[in-house]
Protein backbone atom coordinates (compact mmCIF):
# COMPACT_ATOMS: atom_id res chain seq x y z
CA UNK A 1 10.09 -51.00 38.83
CA UNK A 2 10.14 -53.01 35.51
CA UNK A 3 13.20 -53.70 33.85
CA UNK A 4 12.79 -50.82 31.45
CA UNK A 5 12.70 -47.66 33.89
CA UNK A 6 15.57 -49.53 35.52
CA UNK A 7 17.58 -49.28 32.56
CA UNK A 8 16.58 -45.72 31.52
CA UNK A 9 16.94 -44.35 35.24
CA UNK A 10 20.86 -46.01 34.84
CA UNK A 11 21.36 -45.02 31.39
CA UNK A 12 20.40 -41.17 31.74
CA UNK A 13 22.53 -41.38 35.12
CA UNK A 14 25.74 -42.62 33.44
CA UNK A 15 25.25 -40.25 30.67
CA UNK A 16 25.17 -37.53 33.62
CA UNK A 17 22.17 -36.05 31.55
CA UNK A 18 19.67 -36.90 34.17
CA UNK A 19 18.87 -33.06 34.47
CA UNK A 20 17.96 -32.94 31.19
CA UNK A 21 16.06 -35.47 29.86
CA UNK A 22 12.56 -35.49 29.87
CA UNK A 23 10.68 -39.17 29.60
CA UNK A 24 7.71 -39.21 28.35
CA UNK A 25 4.89 -42.52 27.76
CA UNK A 26 1.74 -43.32 27.31
CA UNK A 27 1.53 -45.24 30.47
CA UNK A 28 1.69 -42.90 33.02
CA UNK A 29 2.70 -45.60 35.62
CA UNK A 30 5.79 -45.44 33.88
CA UNK A 31 6.54 -42.04 34.10
CA UNK A 32 6.07 -42.28 37.95
CA UNK A 33 8.32 -45.10 38.51
CA UNK A 34 11.15 -43.00 36.15
CA UNK A 35 10.81 -40.11 38.62
CA UNK A 36 10.81 -41.86 41.51
CA UNK A 37 14.21 -43.95 40.17
CA UNK A 38 15.78 -40.15 39.30
CA UNK A 39 14.32 -37.28 40.41
CA UNK A 40 15.81 -35.19 38.41
CA UNK A 41 13.99 -36.20 35.25
CA UNK A 42 11.28 -34.16 34.14
CA UNK A 43 8.38 -36.29 33.31
CA UNK A 44 5.75 -36.12 30.57
CA UNK A 45 2.47 -37.59 29.75
CA UNK A 46 0.82 -38.67 27.04
CA UNK A 47 -2.43 -38.38 25.63
CA UNK A 48 -4.14 -39.98 22.62
CA UNK A 49 -7.28 -38.65 20.81
CA UNK A 50 -8.95 -37.57 23.95
CA UNK A 51 -9.50 -34.60 26.35
CA UNK A 52 -9.28 -35.20 30.00
CA UNK A 53 -11.52 -33.44 31.97
CA UNK A 54 -8.84 -32.89 34.90
CA UNK A 55 -5.82 -32.70 33.41
CA UNK A 56 -3.41 -31.25 35.98
CA UNK A 57 -4.54 -34.18 38.64
CA UNK A 58 -4.11 -36.07 35.44
CA UNK A 59 -0.49 -34.85 35.32
CA UNK A 60 0.93 -34.30 38.78
CA UNK A 61 -0.56 -38.32 40.43
CA UNK A 62 1.98 -39.17 37.21
CA UNK A 63 4.77 -36.78 39.23
CA UNK A 64 5.09 -34.91 35.73
CA UNK A 65 4.66 -31.67 34.66
CA UNK A 66 4.30 -31.56 31.29
CA UNK A 67 1.41 -32.59 29.31
CA UNK A 68 1.37 -34.33 25.71
CA UNK A 69 -2.27 -34.31 23.97
CA UNK A 70 -2.38 -35.47 20.13
CA UNK A 71 -2.66 -31.89 18.71
CA UNK A 72 -6.32 -31.92 17.50
CA UNK A 73 -7.32 -31.91 21.11
CA UNK A 74 -5.92 -28.64 21.70
CA UNK A 75 -7.76 -25.52 21.78
CA UNK A 76 -6.80 -22.12 23.47
CA UNK A 77 -8.92 -22.80 26.22
CA UNK A 78 -7.13 -25.57 27.39
CA UNK A 79 -3.80 -24.02 27.33
CA UNK A 80 -4.59 -21.32 29.24
CA UNK A 81 -6.57 -24.07 31.96
CA UNK A 82 -3.35 -26.02 32.34
CA UNK A 83 -1.29 -23.28 32.54
CA UNK A 84 -3.00 -21.75 35.32
CA UNK A 85 -2.01 -25.42 37.36
CA UNK A 86 1.29 -25.20 36.58
CA UNK A 87 1.55 -27.58 33.84
CA UNK A 88 3.44 -27.27 30.78
CA UNK A 89 1.46 -27.87 26.96
CA UNK A 90 3.87 -29.61 24.34
CA UNK A 91 1.25 -31.42 21.84
CA UNK A 92 2.10 -34.29 19.26
CA UNK A 93 2.59 -35.05 16.25
CA UNK A 94 2.57 -31.46 14.32
CA UNK A 95 3.71 -31.40 11.19
CA UNK A 96 1.68 -28.54 9.17
CA UNK A 97 2.35 -25.01 9.47
CA UNK A 98 -0.76 -24.07 9.79
CA UNK A 99 -1.28 -26.11 13.06
CA UNK A 100 2.40 -24.49 14.26
CA UNK A 101 1.51 -21.54 13.58
CA UNK A 102 -2.24 -22.04 15.71
CA UNK A 103 -0.93 -23.62 18.12
CA UNK A 104 2.12 -20.86 19.10
CA UNK A 105 -0.78 -18.31 18.82
CA UNK A 106 -2.38 -19.76 21.46
CA UNK A 107 0.94 -20.06 23.62
CA UNK A 108 1.59 -24.13 23.79
CA UNK A 109 4.97 -24.30 25.44
CA UNK A 110 6.96 -26.30 22.64
CA UNK A 111 5.66 -28.95 19.72
CA UNK A 112 6.56 -32.86 18.73
CA UNK A 113 6.86 -32.84 15.22
CA UNK A 114 8.37 -34.67 12.64
CA UNK A 115 10.12 -31.68 10.79
CA UNK A 116 11.54 -29.69 13.35
CA UNK A 117 14.21 -27.63 10.45
CA UNK A 118 10.71 -27.35 8.67
CA UNK A 119 9.67 -25.94 12.27
CA UNK A 120 12.54 -23.82 12.92
CA UNK A 121 12.44 -22.07 9.79
CA UNK A 122 9.31 -21.20 9.72
CA UNK A 123 9.77 -20.53 13.33
CA UNK A 124 12.59 -17.81 11.87
CA UNK A 125 10.72 -16.38 9.64
CA UNK A 126 7.78 -15.96 12.14
CA UNK A 127 10.66 -14.10 14.50
CA UNK A 128 9.70 -17.02 17.06
CA UNK A 129 12.76 -17.52 18.78
CA UNK A 130 13.73 -21.07 17.89
CA UNK A 131 16.02 -22.81 20.93
CA UNK A 132 16.64 -26.46 20.45
CA UNK A 133 14.15 -27.05 17.95
CA UNK A 134 16.18 -28.29 15.26
CA UNK A 135 16.97 -31.34 17.24
CA UNK A 136 16.18 -34.91 15.91
CA UNK A 137 13.29 -35.80 13.28
CA UNK A 138 13.16 -37.52 9.63
CA UNK A 139 14.80 -33.95 8.31
């Protein structure tokens, strides 16, 4: 593993948060290396502006469990197929309420947004449990 992966693994181990930390990257080798160094980490693969043919295979090859596509490459059928393979779907970066609503209705497992407070407020208004939705972000 490269220096970055060793430092990330050491940091989460030192902070004793490995079991509740998710690592994600567009470089899926990085995710795989981190999981090898610290198996308690949850791995996630980021995909930009494309729809891979074999999502489950791509995710599992990186020793990950979460698929993070750009939100505009997600539809209801994809969510259903990926869930059937035992993979979670967490699209990024979703900033508009109409996109939040559609993705939630399709059953995504989470959303990445620049506006978590706005999302949490909207989720409450829709009667959806917010969990940790208001953590981090610009607002």
